[in-house]
Protein backbone atom coordinates (compact mmCIF):
# COMPACT_ATOMS: atom_id res chain seq x y z
CA MET A 1 7.46 56.50 -2.35
CA ALA A 2 9.58 55.04 0.41
CA GLU A 3 12.47 52.99 -0.94
CA HIS A 4 15.70 54.11 -2.66
CA THR A 5 16.57 51.57 -5.34
CA ASP A 6 18.84 51.87 -8.35
CA PRO A 7 17.58 50.20 -11.55
CA GLY A 8 20.37 47.62 -11.54
CA SER A 9 19.34 46.19 -8.17
CA LEU A 10 15.61 46.20 -8.78
CA SER A 11 15.51 42.56 -9.89
CA GLU A 12 17.04 41.44 -6.58
CA THR A 13 14.09 42.81 -4.60
CA TYR A 14 11.33 43.07 -7.16
CA LEU A 15 9.76 41.10 -9.99
CA GLN A 16 8.68 43.22 -12.93
CA ILE A 17 5.01 43.08 -13.91
CA SER A 18 4.75 43.10 -17.70
CA PRO A 19 1.62 44.15 -19.60
CA ASN A 20 0.85 40.44 -20.20
CA ILE A 21 1.07 39.61 -16.51
CA LEU A 22 -0.94 42.68 -15.58
CA ALA A 23 -3.66 41.63 -18.04
CA SER A 24 -3.95 38.32 -16.15
CA PHE A 25 -4.81 40.13 -12.89
CA PRO A 26 -8.37 40.94 -11.84
CA LYS A 27 -8.90 44.45 -13.19
CA PHE A 28 -10.20 46.13 -10.07
CA ARG A 29 -8.36 44.23 -7.31
CA PRO A 30 -4.79 43.08 -8.07
CA PRO A 31 -3.80 40.10 -5.88
CA VAL A 32 -0.46 41.57 -4.71
CA ASP A 33 0.96 44.91 -3.64
CA LEU A 34 1.98 46.99 -6.64
CA TYR A 35 5.20 49.01 -6.63
CA VAL A 36 6.31 51.71 -9.06
CA PHE A 37 9.86 52.85 -9.82
CA ASP A 38 10.36 56.59 -10.33
CA PRO A 39 13.56 57.11 -12.36
CA ALA A 40 13.56 60.86 -11.73
CA VAL A 41 14.27 60.42 -8.03
CA GLY A 42 15.57 56.84 -8.00
CA ARG A 43 12.85 55.63 -5.65
CA THR A 44 10.58 52.61 -5.66
CA GLY A 45 7.49 52.62 -3.49
CA ARG A 46 4.17 50.98 -3.01
CA TYR A 47 1.41 52.24 -5.27
CA LEU A 48 -1.43 49.94 -4.15
CA ARG A 49 -1.97 47.26 -1.51
CA GLY A 50 -3.02 43.84 -2.76
CA GLY A 51 -6.79 43.41 -2.75
CA GLU A 52 -7.50 47.15 -2.69
CA ARG A 53 -9.80 48.50 -5.38
CA LEU A 54 -8.36 50.28 -8.41
CA SER A 55 -10.39 53.06 -10.00
CA ARG A 56 -10.65 53.14 -13.79
CA GLU A 57 -8.18 56.02 -13.76
CA GLY A 58 -5.88 53.92 -11.59
CA GLN A 59 -6.16 51.02 -14.01
CA ASP A 60 -5.07 53.25 -16.86
CA GLU A 61 -2.15 54.59 -14.84
CA VAL A 62 -1.02 51.11 -13.76
CA ALA A 63 -1.22 49.93 -17.39
CA ARG A 64 1.02 52.83 -18.39
CA PHE A 65 3.52 51.94 -15.66
CA ALA A 66 3.62 48.36 -16.94
CA GLU A 67 4.17 49.51 -20.54
CA GLU A 68 7.06 51.69 -19.34
CA GLY A 69 8.62 48.81 -17.40
CA ARG A 70 8.18 50.54 -14.05
CA LEU A 71 5.61 48.29 -12.37
CA PHE A 72 6.80 45.68 -9.87
CA LEU A 73 5.83 43.34 -7.07
CA LEU A 74 8.04 42.28 -4.19
CA ARG A 75 9.84 38.99 -4.83
CA GLU A 76 8.96 37.96 -1.28
CA ASP A 77 5.28 38.24 -2.29
CA TYR A 78 5.67 35.96 -5.30
CA ARG A 79 4.19 33.01 -3.39
CA ILE A 80 0.89 34.88 -3.21
CA TYR A 81 1.27 35.67 -6.88
CA ALA A 82 2.25 32.06 -7.65
CA GLU A 83 -1.25 30.82 -6.77
CA HIS A 84 -2.64 33.33 -9.26
CA LEU A 85 -0.11 32.63 -12.00
CA SER A 86 -0.56 28.87 -11.59
CA ARG A 87 -3.82 29.35 -13.49
CA LYS A 88 -1.97 31.14 -16.32
CA LEU A 89 0.97 28.79 -16.88
CA GLY A 90 1.45 29.78 -20.50
CA LEU A 91 2.96 33.06 -19.33
CA LEU A 92 5.94 31.17 -17.90
CA LEU A 93 7.04 30.33 -21.44
CA VAL A 94 7.09 33.93 -22.64
CA GLU A 95 7.88 36.07 -19.59
CA GLU A 96 11.40 36.79 -18.39
CA GLY A 97 12.45 37.77 -14.91
CA PHE A 98 11.29 34.73 -12.94
CA LEU A 99 13.96 32.82 -11.09
CA PRO A 100 14.04 29.09 -11.96
CA GLN A 101 13.07 28.25 -8.36
CA GLU A 102 10.02 30.49 -8.66
CA VAL A 103 8.96 28.88 -11.93
CA ALA A 104 9.37 25.40 -10.39
CA GLU A 105 7.14 26.26 -7.44
CA ILE A 106 4.49 27.74 -9.72
CA PHE A 107 4.47 24.53 -11.78
CA PHE A 108 4.10 22.44 -8.61
CA ILE A 109 1.17 24.53 -7.38
CA ALA A 110 -0.53 24.45 -10.78
CA LEU A 111 -0.23 20.71 -11.30
CA ARG A 112 -1.18 19.91 -7.71
CA ASN A 113 -4.33 21.98 -8.07
CA ARG A 114 -5.18 20.60 -11.53
CA MET A 115 -4.64 17.07 -10.28
CA ALA A 116 -6.83 17.70 -7.22
CA ASP A 117 -9.58 19.02 -9.50
CA PHE A 118 -9.36 15.93 -11.70
CA LEU A 119 -9.33 13.52 -8.76
CA ASN A 120 -12.42 15.21 -7.35
CA GLN A 121 -14.21 15.18 -10.70
CA PRO A 122 -12.54 12.83 -13.21
CA ARG A 123 -14.30 14.16 -16.28
CA GLU A 124 -13.25 15.11 -19.78
CA ASP A 125 -13.11 18.84 -19.02
CA THR A 126 -10.90 18.47 -15.92
CA PHE A 127 -8.64 16.05 -17.82
CA GLU A 128 -8.24 18.51 -20.69
CA ALA A 129 -7.36 21.29 -18.22
CA LEU A 130 -4.73 18.99 -16.71
CA ARG A 131 -3.42 18.02 -20.13
CA THR A 132 -3.08 21.69 -21.11
CA ASP A 133 -0.85 22.42 -18.11
CA VAL A 134 1.10 19.20 -18.68
CA SER A 135 1.79 20.33 -22.27
CA ILE A 136 3.20 23.61 -20.95
CA LEU A 137 5.47 21.77 -18.51
CA ALA A 138 6.61 19.45 -21.31
CA GLU A 139 7.49 22.47 -23.47
CA TYR A 140 9.37 24.05 -20.57
CA VAL A 141 11.66 21.06 -19.91
CA TRP A 142 11.99 20.20 -23.60
CA ILE A 143 13.51 23.64 -24.20
CA ASP A 144 16.04 23.04 -21.40
CA PRO A 145 16.04 19.58 -19.74
CA SER A 146 18.38 20.80 -16.97
CA ARG A 147 15.43 22.73 -15.53
CA VAL A 148 14.13 19.50 -14.02
CA ALA A 149 16.75 19.89 -11.25
CA PHE A 150 14.83 22.90 -9.96
CA LEU A 151 11.52 21.08 -10.31
CA THR A 152 12.66 18.20 -8.10
CA HIS A 153 13.52 20.73 -5.39
CA THR A 154 9.79 21.41 -4.90
CA LEU A 155 8.90 17.92 -3.60
CA GLU A 156 6.48 18.09 -0.67
CA ARG A 157 6.32 15.84 2.40
CA ASP A 158 2.69 16.42 3.42
CA TYR A 159 0.71 13.60 1.89
CA ASP A 160 -2.43 13.72 -0.14
CA LEU A 161 -3.13 11.95 -3.41
CA ALA A 162 -2.59 15.05 -5.56
CA VAL A 163 0.75 15.84 -3.90
CA HIS A 164 1.87 12.20 -4.19
CA SER A 165 0.95 12.25 -7.88
CA VAL A 166 3.00 15.38 -8.56
CA ASN A 167 5.96 14.15 -6.50
CA THR A 168 5.94 10.89 -8.46
CA MET A 169 5.73 12.78 -11.73
CA LEU A 170 8.69 15.04 -10.93
CA ILE A 171 10.93 12.15 -9.89
CA GLY A 172 9.88 10.02 -12.87
CA LEU A 173 10.41 12.92 -15.25
CA ALA A 174 13.89 13.57 -13.84
CA LEU A 175 14.79 9.89 -14.23
CA TYR A 176 13.55 9.81 -17.82
CA LEU A 177 15.39 12.98 -18.83
CA ARG A 178 18.60 11.69 -17.27
CA LEU A 179 18.13 8.27 -18.87
CA SER A 180 17.57 9.80 -22.31
CA GLY A 181 20.32 12.39 -22.03
CA GLY A 182 17.72 15.10 -22.56
CA LYS A 183 17.07 13.97 -26.14
CA VAL A 184 13.31 13.63 -26.00
CA GLU A 185 10.19 14.27 -28.02
CA LYS A 186 7.54 16.56 -26.59
CA THR A 187 4.77 14.08 -27.35
CA VAL A 188 6.55 11.39 -25.34
CA LEU A 189 7.09 13.83 -22.48
CA ILE A 190 3.39 14.67 -22.40
CA SER A 191 2.43 10.99 -22.30
CA LEU A 192 4.96 10.21 -19.59
CA ILE A 193 3.99 13.18 -17.40
CA LEU A 194 0.32 12.22 -17.66
CA GLY A 195 1.09 8.56 -16.92
CA LEU A 196 3.08 9.47 -13.82
CA LEU A 197 0.37 11.85 -12.62
CA LEU A 198 -2.48 9.40 -13.22
CA HIS A 199 -0.77 6.21 -12.02
CA ASP A 200 -2.68 6.12 -8.70
CA LEU A 201 -6.00 7.45 -10.01
CA GLY A 202 -7.91 4.40 -8.80
CA MET A 203 -7.01 5.17 -5.17
CA VAL A 204 -9.91 7.63 -5.11
CA MET A 205 -12.16 4.53 -5.12
CA VAL A 206 -10.50 3.07 -2.01
CA PRO A 207 -12.21 4.19 1.23
CA LYS A 208 -10.11 6.76 3.07
CA PHE A 209 -10.18 4.79 6.31
CA ILE A 210 -8.42 1.94 4.51
CA ARG A 211 -5.90 4.21 2.73
CA ASP A 212 -4.94 5.81 6.05
CA LYS A 213 -5.19 2.75 8.27
CA GLU A 214 -2.41 2.68 10.86
CA GLN A 215 -2.69 -0.92 11.99
CA PHE A 216 -1.92 -4.05 9.99
CA LEU A 217 -4.13 -4.44 6.92
CA VAL A 218 -6.34 -7.51 6.89
CA ARG A 219 -6.70 -9.45 3.66
CA ARG A 220 -9.96 -7.72 2.73
CA ASP A 221 -8.37 -4.29 3.11
CA ARG A 222 -5.33 -5.28 1.06
CA GLU A 223 -7.51 -6.65 -1.72
CA SER A 224 -9.41 -3.37 -1.75
CA ILE A 225 -6.14 -1.47 -2.22
CA GLU A 226 -4.92 -3.83 -4.93
CA ARG A 227 -8.16 -3.27 -6.86
CA HIS A 228 -7.27 0.42 -7.23
CA ILE A 229 -5.35 -0.37 -10.40
CA GLU A 230 -8.32 -1.87 -12.22
CA ALA A 231 -10.53 0.91 -10.83
CA GLY A 232 -8.18 3.54 -12.29
CA LEU A 233 -8.04 1.77 -15.65
CA ASN A 234 -11.84 1.67 -15.77
CA MET A 235 -12.00 5.41 -15.12
CA ILE A 236 -9.47 6.04 -17.90
CA ARG A 237 -11.40 3.81 -20.32
CA ARG A 238 -14.58 5.79 -19.66
CA LEU A 239 -12.67 8.90 -20.71
CA LYS A 240 -11.53 7.06 -23.87
CA ILE A 241 -7.84 7.54 -23.00
CA GLN A 242 -5.81 4.87 -24.80
CA ASP A 243 -2.25 6.20 -24.60
CA PRO A 244 -0.05 3.11 -24.02
CA VAL A 245 2.43 5.02 -21.82
CA ILE A 246 -0.37 6.15 -19.49
CA LEU A 247 -1.75 2.62 -19.34
CA GLU A 248 1.67 1.09 -18.62
CA CYS A 249 2.26 3.47 -15.71
CA MET A 250 -1.15 2.67 -14.26
CA GLU A 251 -0.95 -1.09 -14.79
CA GLN A 252 2.63 -1.72 -13.70
CA HIS A 253 3.63 0.73 -10.96
CA HIS A 254 3.08 -1.95 -8.28
CA GLU A 255 4.67 -4.79 -10.26
CA ARG A 256 8.13 -5.93 -9.14
CA LEU A 257 11.05 -7.59 -10.93
CA ASP A 258 10.80 -10.75 -8.83
CA GLY A 259 7.08 -11.24 -9.46
CA SER A 260 6.08 -10.21 -5.93
CA GLY A 261 4.04 -7.22 -7.07
CA TYR A 262 0.47 -6.87 -8.29
CA PRO A 263 -1.99 -7.09 -10.00
CA ALA A 264 -0.53 -9.51 -12.59
CA ARG A 265 2.55 -10.72 -10.64
CA ARG A 266 4.70 -9.90 -13.67
CA PHE A 267 8.39 -10.75 -13.72
CA ASP A 268 11.34 -8.74 -15.00
CA LYS A 269 11.07 -9.55 -18.71
CA ASN A 270 7.34 -8.72 -18.78
CA LEU A 271 7.73 -5.19 -17.39
CA SER A 272 7.90 -2.18 -19.70
CA ALA A 273 10.49 0.59 -19.37
CA MET A 274 7.79 3.05 -18.30
CA GLY A 275 6.34 0.58 -15.80
CA ARG A 276 9.75 0.08 -14.17
CA LEU A 277 10.35 3.82 -14.04
CA CYS A 278 6.95 4.55 -12.52
CA ALA A 279 7.47 1.82 -9.90
CA VAL A 280 10.67 3.48 -8.66
CA ALA A 281 9.21 7.00 -8.72
CA ASP A 282 5.99 5.92 -6.98
CA SER A 283 7.82 4.01 -4.23
CA PHE A 284 10.28 6.83 -3.61
CA SER A 285 7.41 9.32 -3.31
CA ALA A 286 5.55 7.02 -0.94
CA ILE A 287 8.60 6.64 1.30
CA ILE A 288 9.24 10.41 1.61
CA GLY A 289 5.55 11.19 2.22
CA ASP A 290 4.22 11.76 5.75
CA ARG A 291 1.43 9.23 6.15
CA PRO A 292 -0.81 8.27 9.11
CA TYR A 293 0.88 4.86 9.27
CA HIS A 294 4.49 6.02 8.85
CA SER A 295 6.50 9.22 9.16
CA ALA A 296 8.26 10.70 6.16
CA ARG A 297 11.71 9.23 5.60
CA ASP A 298 14.73 11.29 4.65
CA MET A 299 15.22 11.42 0.88
CA ALA A 300 18.72 9.96 1.07
CA GLU A 301 17.37 7.10 3.18
CA ALA A 302 14.60 6.50 0.64
CA VAL A 303 17.21 6.19 -2.10
CA ARG A 304 19.26 3.74 -0.02
CA LEU A 305 16.20 1.59 0.66
CA LEU A 306 15.39 1.30 -3.03
CA ILE A 307 18.99 0.64 -4.06
CA GLY A 308 19.13 -2.09 -1.44
CA ASP A 309 16.02 -3.75 -2.88
CA GLY A 310 17.55 -4.75 -6.19
CA LYS A 311 15.46 -7.91 -6.50
CA ARG A 312 12.29 -5.85 -6.81
CA TYR A 313 13.40 -2.54 -8.32
CA ASP A 314 15.44 -1.96 -11.47
CA PRO A 315 19.02 -1.37 -10.20
CA ALA A 316 19.88 0.87 -13.15
CA LEU A 317 16.99 3.17 -12.25
CA THR A 318 17.65 3.25 -8.51
CA THR A 319 21.32 4.05 -9.17
CA LEU A 320 20.17 6.82 -11.50
CA LEU A 321 17.79 8.04 -8.79
CA ALA A 322 20.74 8.51 -6.45
CA LYS A 323 22.46 10.68 -9.07
CA VAL A 324 19.29 12.72 -9.68
CA MET A 325 18.90 13.42 -5.97
CA ASP A 326 22.57 14.34 -5.61
CA GLU A 327 22.20 16.87 -8.42
CA ARG A 328 19.06 18.58 -7.17
CA VAL A 329 19.43 22.34 -7.38
CA THR A 330 18.88 24.04 -4.04
CA GLU A 331 18.14 27.66 -3.38
């Protein structure tokens, strides 16, 4: 064993692997390097390289190390581990030792992957898998709404529909928690998170060459894009999803206060609270995303653009967005 480490400083370098976490690993080939602390000599060293095969005797020994609280992985390797744990999100509610930034990144990975699965195959089983992870996220922020500040730090600039969906969800969730003062019901959180994630579902029906078109859109192309809302609603209806919050996010995220939006050209008084919120979150996420037809804008610039467009976007929400972005927790 190569490293001298006192028990008090272990958590700075290592993340403890509990029996529950160990049980989530493939039995014969753990996904990360395993380290063991030897209290007799005050040393921590590598026991097994990630991906190497464990014998049955080795499995028993590793299980014993975990029970004794002596099994660890390097914190710098947690990103490798995050992909694995993103498929076991429930552990985040019961395990201690993760930094809030680490938990936030694991949630982003999990929801991005679940959303990608659902977009590729919008069926009942992929929706239920997404809903399960959404319920875990709702529980996590319901316990402590301030955690959303870490979640908004995970926003990604590289654009694809799954990433855009998660970015929109995180911003919309932060706005809602700030708006409500953190006094929320879990059932409402679940509905809102799903609505924000699914708002652009119908875009999967728009040909990619139109979605990514760099030159000016002709009328036919624009009509194809505008039809994505009805396409998404049809997909949701086939899955027998009738949650009004989900439907409001899908129907109204392109509506604008001055009636210049689509598909119904609704005005201010005909827009729901969730529709207004989703419109701001969706537009912010679109502005900061790196697209073929425009480069990603700075987040502060995106906020300024929306605040300056008070005729189309709810000024109370865009002002709140500025506060949310100012309060983002950084590493």
